[in-house]
Structures are given as structure tokens and as C-alpha cells.
Protein backbone atom coordinates (compact mmCIF):
# COMPACT_ATOMS: atom_id res chain seq x y z
CA MET A 1 15.67 112.95 -193.08
CA THR A 2 17.37 115.48 -190.48
CA TYR A 3 21.68 114.60 -190.15
CA VAL A 4 23.17 115.48 -186.82
CA SER A 5 27.20 116.37 -186.29
CA GLY A 6 28.04 115.50 -183.25
CA TYR A 7 31.01 115.91 -181.11
CA LEU A 8 32.41 116.06 -177.25
CA LEU A 9 35.72 117.54 -175.99
CA ALA A 10 37.14 118.52 -173.08
CA VAL A 11 37.24 122.01 -172.36
CA PRO A 12 39.40 123.72 -169.15
CA THR A 13 36.91 125.17 -167.43
CA GLU A 14 38.86 128.51 -167.25
CA LYS A 15 38.33 128.84 -170.71
CA LYS A 16 34.46 128.31 -170.58
CA ASP A 17 33.82 132.53 -171.95
CA GLU A 18 36.48 131.87 -174.72
CA TYR A 19 34.86 128.31 -175.94
CA LEU A 20 31.47 130.11 -175.76
CA ALA A 21 32.90 133.37 -177.30
CA LEU A 22 34.07 130.75 -180.34
CA SER A 23 30.57 128.69 -180.22
CA ARG A 24 29.20 132.20 -180.68
CA ARG A 25 30.96 133.02 -183.89
CA ALA A 26 31.09 129.67 -185.41
CA GLY A 27 27.19 128.94 -184.83
CA PRO A 28 26.96 131.19 -187.35
CA VAL A 29 29.42 130.31 -190.17
CA PHE A 30 27.36 126.67 -189.75
CA LYS A 31 24.10 127.96 -189.85
CA LYS A 32 25.24 129.95 -193.19
CA HIS A 33 26.29 126.51 -195.00
CA GLY A 34 23.11 124.91 -194.58
CA ALA A 35 23.18 123.60 -190.65
CA THR A 36 19.98 124.06 -189.11
CA ARG A 37 20.37 124.04 -185.23
CA VAL A 38 23.78 124.29 -183.34
CA VAL A 39 24.11 123.41 -180.01
CA GLU A 40 26.26 123.29 -177.67
CA ASN A 41 26.09 122.37 -173.47
CA TRP A 42 28.59 122.64 -171.00
CA GLY A 43 28.62 119.61 -168.88
CA ALA A 44 26.87 119.58 -164.81
CA ASP A 45 26.73 116.21 -164.21
CA VAL A 46 29.13 114.60 -166.13
CA PRO A 47 30.55 111.47 -163.88
CA ASP A 48 33.68 109.62 -164.22
CA GLY A 49 33.29 105.76 -165.07
CA LYS A 50 34.94 102.44 -163.95
CA VAL A 51 34.34 100.95 -167.79
CA THR A 52 33.98 103.80 -169.66
CA SER A 53 32.60 107.30 -169.65
CA PHE A 54 32.50 110.88 -171.09
CA PRO A 55 35.30 112.14 -168.99
CA MET A 56 37.32 108.78 -170.25
CA ALA A 57 36.49 109.21 -173.49
CA THR A 58 37.71 112.79 -173.94
CA LYS A 59 40.80 112.08 -171.39
CA ALA A 60 39.29 114.96 -169.66
CA GLU A 61 42.08 116.09 -167.32
CA GLU A 62 41.75 118.04 -163.88
CA GLY A 63 39.91 121.69 -163.97
CA GLU A 64 38.33 120.02 -167.41
CA THR A 65 34.47 120.08 -168.30
CA VAL A 66 33.20 117.76 -170.83
CA VAL A 67 31.36 119.56 -173.55
CA PHE A 68 28.97 117.27 -175.39
CA SER A 69 27.61 119.28 -178.72
CA TRP A 70 25.91 118.49 -182.17
CA MET A 71 24.68 120.50 -185.43
CA GLU A 72 21.28 119.53 -187.23
CA TRP A 73 21.40 119.30 -191.11
CA PRO A 74 18.84 118.42 -193.78
CA SER A 75 20.42 115.91 -195.00
CA LYS A 76 24.42 113.99 -194.82
CA GLU A 77 24.63 115.85 -198.41
CA VAL A 78 23.75 119.08 -196.95
CA ALA A 79 26.07 118.39 -193.58
CA ASP A 80 29.33 117.00 -195.48
CA LYS A 81 29.18 120.08 -198.24
CA GLY A 82 28.17 122.66 -195.03
CA ILE A 83 30.91 121.57 -193.16
CA LYS A 84 33.42 122.08 -195.84
CA SER A 85 33.03 124.85 -196.58
CA ALA A 86 32.55 126.34 -192.86
CA MET A 87 35.83 125.39 -192.51
CA GLU A 88 37.31 127.08 -195.24
CA ASP A 89 35.11 130.36 -194.85
CA PRO A 90 37.25 132.93 -193.74
CA ALA A 91 35.04 134.09 -190.18
CA LEU A 92 36.42 130.62 -188.95
CA ALA A 93 39.82 131.00 -190.38
CA GLU A 94 40.65 133.91 -188.20
CA ASP A 95 39.87 132.20 -185.00
CA GLY A 96 43.44 130.49 -184.86
CA ASP A 97 43.86 128.97 -181.51
CA MET A 98 41.10 126.77 -180.01
CA PRO A 99 40.40 127.05 -176.55
CA PHE A 100 40.54 123.18 -176.36
CA ASP A 101 43.03 120.44 -177.04
CA GLY A 102 41.67 119.25 -180.58
CA MET A 103 43.65 115.99 -180.48
CA ARG A 104 41.12 114.67 -177.79
CA MET A 105 38.13 115.26 -179.44
CA MET A 106 35.60 113.06 -181.23
CA TRP A 107 32.99 113.92 -184.35
CA GLY A 108 30.90 111.81 -186.09
CA GLY A 109 27.57 111.50 -188.10
CA PHE A 110 24.59 110.52 -187.23
CA GLU A 111 21.44 109.26 -189.02
CA MET A 112 18.17 110.51 -187.09
CA ILE A 113 16.18 107.69 -186.36
CA TYR A 114 13.60 108.87 -183.42
CA ASP A 115 12.82 112.24 -183.02
CA GLU A 116 9.31 113.46 -180.14
């Protein structure tokens, strides 16, 4: 069954090109290690909430945009192994500084229960 690892973070809007460049380098690495699809989404209509919201969850600051992204995998087992090996891949180790605050990044794994 398809397994999805997703993440949510806030990126300084002025670093969109830098973030996209990182995504374009990282996507093929994750696919090399078993991901079947890598999707990056730049916030276009992400309103603030009163109780909860994407901006609140990421503690998005003025001048930041929320990014919502995921990777699809054939299974949780493939994802667990693939994420670990991708993070150890020298192609990702070369990236150095991330164009976002990783302390405000959240991620998790999800079993797909509906797909049409």
C-alpha cells in the first residue's frame, strides 16, 4: 500500500528560488532511494487562523511562506529505509545550510486510505 511522508515548514519568501533549487537537488536523491513521487507546494492561499492554521503550526513569521510537501513510497518499510539512506547520501550532505529554520519543520508518515 502506498505510504506518504509529508512535511510542513515556513520558508523566507525571499529564499523561494534557493528552496526550489534544494528541492530539485533532493528530489532525485529520494527517488534514487525508493520514493516514487516527490511533491513540493508553495503556499498561495494559506490564511491565518484563530485557533489553528498552517501559519500557526509552523510559527510562520512576517515575510515567510508556508510549504506543504510530501513523498510517496511503495510502503512504510521502503520509506524508512529510503529516507535513512537518502539522508546519508553524499549528494544531500553537500547542501550545507538549509534556506529555512529546521526547528519549525514538522513531518510524519501516513498510510494512504483513499486515492481517486
